[in-house]
Every structure is written in C-alpha cells, then in structure tokens.
C-alpha cells in the first residue's frame, strides 16, 4: 500500500496546503510581483510565501522572471502545467462549499470532547 514509487508522493498540492492553491488562484489572470501576491493572501508570512513560490517553481507550476531594472523587478506567472490545477482547485472549493459546516461542527465536537486537543 503506499509504495515509495507511487506518483502520489510527488503531488505538488497536498490536502491542507492552502498556500499553494491560493498562489495559483492569485496568478490566474496573469503575472504578479511578490508584494502583489501578499495583498490577497493576508495571513501568509514572507518566509512561507517564498517557500511556496519556490516549491511551485520547482514543480513547474510557476515561472520566476527577474527583470534587469533598478530596483530589480521579479514576477511570478503560471505555466501551462500550473493552469491545469484550476480543475482540482475548483473541485476542492465545491467540496468545501458543500461540507464546510459539517467539518467545522466535527472539529468543534472533537475539541470540546478532547480539551487537550486545542485545535492541534
């Protein structure tokens, strides 16, 4: 079961990795600079956004273009491979729309029954 050679171990977006999907959605309408990505993604730290962008670049989902200007300008843009993620992201959104209330109720019930859980 869980063979190390299984392609699922190489998946670029894992269940619960909210930042990768958010970056992809933010880049849907064209390239953006780092600071332009941080605005809609209010809760992400610069370190985590940098790690996410590097991982997406490594996986071939985004390209990073550095323009030889002063000050330097860097833009991130989806690749064709990155654009293929819109379908799975839409499916996750549809699932969340249909099941978010159930999920939140289950978490609240668990946290109430397990005081030491504390949302961990």
C-alpha atoms as a PDB file:
ATOM      1  CA  UNK A   1       0.000   0.000   0.000  1.00  0.00           C
ATOM      2  CA  UNK A   2       1.903   3.415  -0.032  1.00  0.00           C
ATOM      3  CA  UNK A   3       4.673   2.296  -2.363  1.00  0.00           C
ATOM      4  CA  UNK A   4       7.500   4.889  -2.398  1.00  0.00           C
ATOM      5  CA  UNK A   5       7.386   4.782  -6.210  1.00  0.00           C
ATOM      6  CA  UNK A   6       3.703   5.803  -6.201  1.00  0.00           C
ATOM      7  CA  UNK A   7       3.146   9.091  -8.091  1.00  0.00           C
ATOM      8  CA  UNK A   8       1.009  10.452  -5.243  1.00  0.00           C
ATOM      9  CA  UNK A   9       4.156  11.124  -3.212  1.00  0.00           C
ATOM     10  CA  UNK A  10       5.203  13.694  -5.819  1.00  0.00           C
ATOM     11  CA  UNK A  11       1.921  15.629  -5.801  1.00  0.00           C
ATOM     12  CA  UNK A  12       2.548  19.405  -5.832  1.00  0.00           C
ATOM     13  CA  UNK A  13      -0.504  20.312  -3.765  1.00  0.00           C
ATOM     14  CA  UNK A  14      -1.356  18.260  -0.736  1.00  0.00           C
ATOM     15  CA  UNK A  15      -4.638  18.272   1.143  1.00  0.00           C
ATOM     16  CA  UNK A  16      -4.321  21.060   3.684  1.00  0.00           C
ATOM     17  CA  UNK A  17      -1.651  23.035   1.799  1.00  0.00           C
ATOM     18  CA  UNK A  18      -3.719  26.177   1.459  1.00  0.00           C
ATOM     19  CA  UNK A  19      -0.970  28.489   0.247  1.00  0.00           C
ATOM     20  CA  UNK A  20      -0.085  26.671  -2.999  1.00  0.00           C
ATOM     21  CA  UNK A  21      -3.675  26.677  -4.187  1.00  0.00           C
ATOM     22  CA  UNK A  22      -4.077  30.322  -3.176  1.00  0.00           C
ATOM     23  CA  UNK A  23      -0.959  31.334  -5.121  1.00  0.00           C
ATOM     24  CA  UNK A  24      -2.265  29.522  -8.197  1.00  0.00           C
ATOM     25  CA  UNK A  25      -5.632  31.280  -7.912  1.00  0.00           C
ATOM     26  CA  UNK A  26      -3.906  34.651  -7.408  1.00  0.00           C
ATOM     27  CA  UNK A  27      -1.915  34.124 -10.609  1.00  0.00           C
ATOM     28  CA  UNK A  28      -4.947  33.112 -12.675  1.00  0.00           C
ATOM     29  CA  UNK A  29      -5.216  36.443 -14.514  1.00  0.00           C
ATOM     30  CA  UNK A  30      -1.536  36.998 -15.192  1.00  0.00           C
ATOM     31  CA  UNK A  31       1.856  37.591 -13.622  1.00  0.00           C
ATOM     32  CA  UNK A  32       2.243  39.268 -10.242  1.00  0.00           C
ATOM     33  CA  UNK A  33       5.049  40.549  -8.110  1.00  0.00           C
ATOM     34  CA  UNK A  34       5.757  39.131  -4.652  1.00  0.00           C
ATOM     35  CA  UNK A  35       4.169  42.141  -2.927  1.00  0.00           C
ATOM     36  CA  UNK A  36       1.083  41.844  -5.149  1.00  0.00           C
ATOM     37  CA  UNK A  37       0.626  38.243  -4.034  1.00  0.00           C
ATOM     38  CA  UNK A  38       0.848  39.160  -0.351  1.00  0.00           C
ATOM     39  CA  UNK A  39      -2.126  41.558  -0.514  1.00  0.00           C
ATOM     40  CA  UNK A  40      -4.884  38.990  -1.198  1.00  0.00           C
ATOM     41  CA  UNK A  41      -3.059  36.378   0.909  1.00  0.00           C
ATOM     42  CA  UNK A  42      -3.136  38.436   4.105  1.00  0.00           C
ATOM     43  CA  UNK A  43      -2.192  35.676   6.528  1.00  0.00           C
ATOM     44  CA  UNK A  44       0.930  34.393   4.771  1.00  0.00           C
ATOM     45  CA  UNK A  45       4.358  35.371   6.063  1.00  0.00           C
ATOM     46  CA  UNK A  46       7.073  36.402   3.599  1.00  0.00           C
ATOM     47  CA  UNK A  47       9.047  33.259   4.505  1.00  0.00           C
ATOM     48  CA  UNK A  48       6.135  30.912   3.842  1.00  0.00           C
ATOM     49  CA  UNK A  49       5.217  32.688   0.592  1.00  0.00           C
ATOM     50  CA  UNK A  50       8.837  32.411  -0.574  1.00  0.00           C
ATOM     51  CA  UNK A  51       8.908  28.691   0.279  1.00  0.00           C
ATOM     52  CA  UNK A  52       5.591  28.153  -1.505  1.00  0.00           C
ATOM     53  CA  UNK A  53       6.704  30.007  -4.642  1.00  0.00           C
ATOM     54  CA  UNK A  54       9.994  28.061  -4.736  1.00  0.00           C
ATOM     55  CA  UNK A  55       8.147  24.754  -4.388  1.00  0.00           C
ATOM     56  CA  UNK A  56       5.710  25.704  -7.164  1.00  0.00           C
ATOM     57  CA  UNK A  57       8.604  26.808  -9.366  1.00  0.00           C
ATOM     58  CA  UNK A  58      10.427  23.536  -8.692  1.00  0.00           C
ATOM     59  CA  UNK A  59       7.294  21.580  -9.637  1.00  0.00           C
ATOM     60  CA  UNK A  60       6.963  23.516 -12.902  1.00  0.00           C
ATOM     61  CA  UNK A  61       3.759  25.267 -11.838  1.00  0.00           C
ATOM     62  CA  UNK A  62       5.119  28.839 -11.918  1.00  0.00           C
ATOM     63  CA  UNK A  63       7.962  30.683 -13.548  1.00  0.00           C
ATOM     64  CA  UNK A  64      10.006  33.389 -11.871  1.00  0.00           C
ATOM     65  CA  UNK A  65      11.209  36.194 -14.124  1.00  0.00           C
ATOM     66  CA  UNK A  66      13.796  38.715 -12.930  1.00  0.00           C
ATOM     67  CA  UNK A  67      13.897  41.955 -14.913  1.00  0.00           C
ATOM     68  CA  UNK A  68      17.224  43.826 -15.056  1.00  0.00           C
ATOM     69  CA  UNK A  69      15.882  47.081 -13.655  1.00  0.00           C
ATOM     70  CA  UNK A  70      16.786  49.295 -10.744  1.00  0.00           C
ATOM     71  CA  UNK A  71      15.279  48.411  -8.366  1.00  0.00           C
ATOM     72  CA  UNK A  72      15.063  44.801  -9.583  1.00  0.00           C
ATOM     73  CA  UNK A  73      11.605  43.584 -10.514  1.00  0.00           C
ATOM     74  CA  UNK A  74      10.587  39.936 -10.123  1.00  0.00           C
ATOM     75  CA  UNK A  75       7.323  38.484 -11.402  1.00  0.00           C
ATOM     76  CA  UNK A  76       5.712  35.109 -10.940  1.00  0.00           C
ATOM     77  CA  UNK A  77       3.488  33.584 -13.602  1.00  0.00           C
ATOM     78  CA  UNK A  78       1.623  30.317 -14.032  1.00  0.00           C
ATOM     79  CA  UNK A  79       2.944  27.835 -16.544  1.00  0.00           C
ATOM     80  CA  UNK A  80       0.656  25.715 -18.709  1.00  0.00           C
ATOM     81  CA  UNK A  81       1.139  22.931 -16.165  1.00  0.00           C
ATOM     82  CA  UNK A  82       0.150  25.294 -13.344  1.00  0.00           C
ATOM     83  CA  UNK A  83      -3.029  26.224 -15.197  1.00  0.00           C
ATOM     84  CA  UNK A  84      -4.077  22.560 -15.167  1.00  0.00           C
ATOM     85  CA  UNK A  85      -4.585  22.922 -11.396  1.00  0.00           C
ATOM     86  CA  UNK A  86      -7.704  25.078 -11.801  1.00  0.00           C
ATOM     87  CA  UNK A  87      -9.928  21.981 -12.146  1.00  0.00           C
ATOM     88  CA  UNK A  88      -8.740  20.248  -8.962  1.00  0.00           C
ATOM     89  CA  UNK A  89      -8.857  23.545  -7.057  1.00  0.00           C
ATOM     90  CA  UNK A  90     -12.435  24.116  -8.244  1.00  0.00           C
ATOM     91  CA  UNK A  91     -13.329  20.600  -7.049  1.00  0.00           C
ATOM     92  CA  UNK A  92     -11.857  21.367  -3.604  1.00  0.00           C
ATOM     93  CA  UNK A  93     -13.827  24.617  -3.465  1.00  0.00           C
ATOM     94  CA  UNK A  94     -17.039  22.795  -4.373  1.00  0.00           C
ATOM     95  CA  UNK A  95     -16.358  20.188  -1.684  1.00  0.00           C
ATOM     96  CA  UNK A  96     -15.743  22.941   0.885  1.00  0.00           C
ATOM     97  CA  UNK A  97     -18.956  24.730  -0.120  1.00  0.00           C
ATOM     98  CA  UNK A  98     -20.898  21.514   0.369  1.00  0.00           C
ATOM     99  CA  UNK A  99     -19.206  20.279   3.554  1.00  0.00           C
ATOM    100  CA  UNK A 100     -17.623  23.196   5.440  1.00  0.00           C
ATOM    101  CA  UNK A 101     -20.371  23.401   8.074  1.00  0.00           C
ATOM    102  CA  UNK A 102     -20.075  19.657   8.753  1.00  0.00           C
ATOM    103  CA  UNK A 103     -16.309  19.931   9.016  1.00  0.00           C
ATOM    104  CA  UNK A 104     -16.479  22.847  11.455  1.00  0.00           C
ATOM    105  CA  UNK A 105     -19.083  21.028  13.585  1.00  0.00           C
ATOM    106  CA  UNK A 106     -16.875  17.939  13.705  1.00  0.00           C
ATOM    107  CA  UNK A 107     -13.852  19.994  14.759  1.00  0.00           C
ATOM    108  CA  UNK A 108     -15.831  21.795  17.464  1.00  0.00           C
ATOM    109  CA  UNK A 109     -17.209  18.492  18.801  1.00  0.00           C
ATOM    110  CA  UNK A 110     -13.742  16.962  18.857  1.00  0.00           C
ATOM    111  CA  UNK A 111     -12.207  19.983  20.572  1.00  0.00           C
ATOM    112  CA  UNK A 112     -14.984  20.001  23.172  1.00  0.00           C
ATOM    113  CA  UNK A 113     -14.621  16.266  23.858  1.00  0.00           C
ATOM    114  CA  UNK A 114     -10.816  16.439  23.885  1.00  0.00           C
ATOM    115  CA  UNK A 115      -9.829  19.571  25.844  1.00  0.00           C
ATOM    116  CA  UNK A 116      -6.109  18.930  25.382  1.00  0.00           C
ATOM    117  CA  UNK A 117      -6.555  18.903  21.571  1.00  0.00           C
ATOM    118  CA  UNK A 118      -6.789  22.697  21.421  1.00  0.00           C
ATOM    119  CA  UNK A 119      -7.052  22.672  17.642  1.00  0.00           C
ATOM    120  CA  UNK A 120      -3.696  20.902  17.226  1.00  0.00           C
END
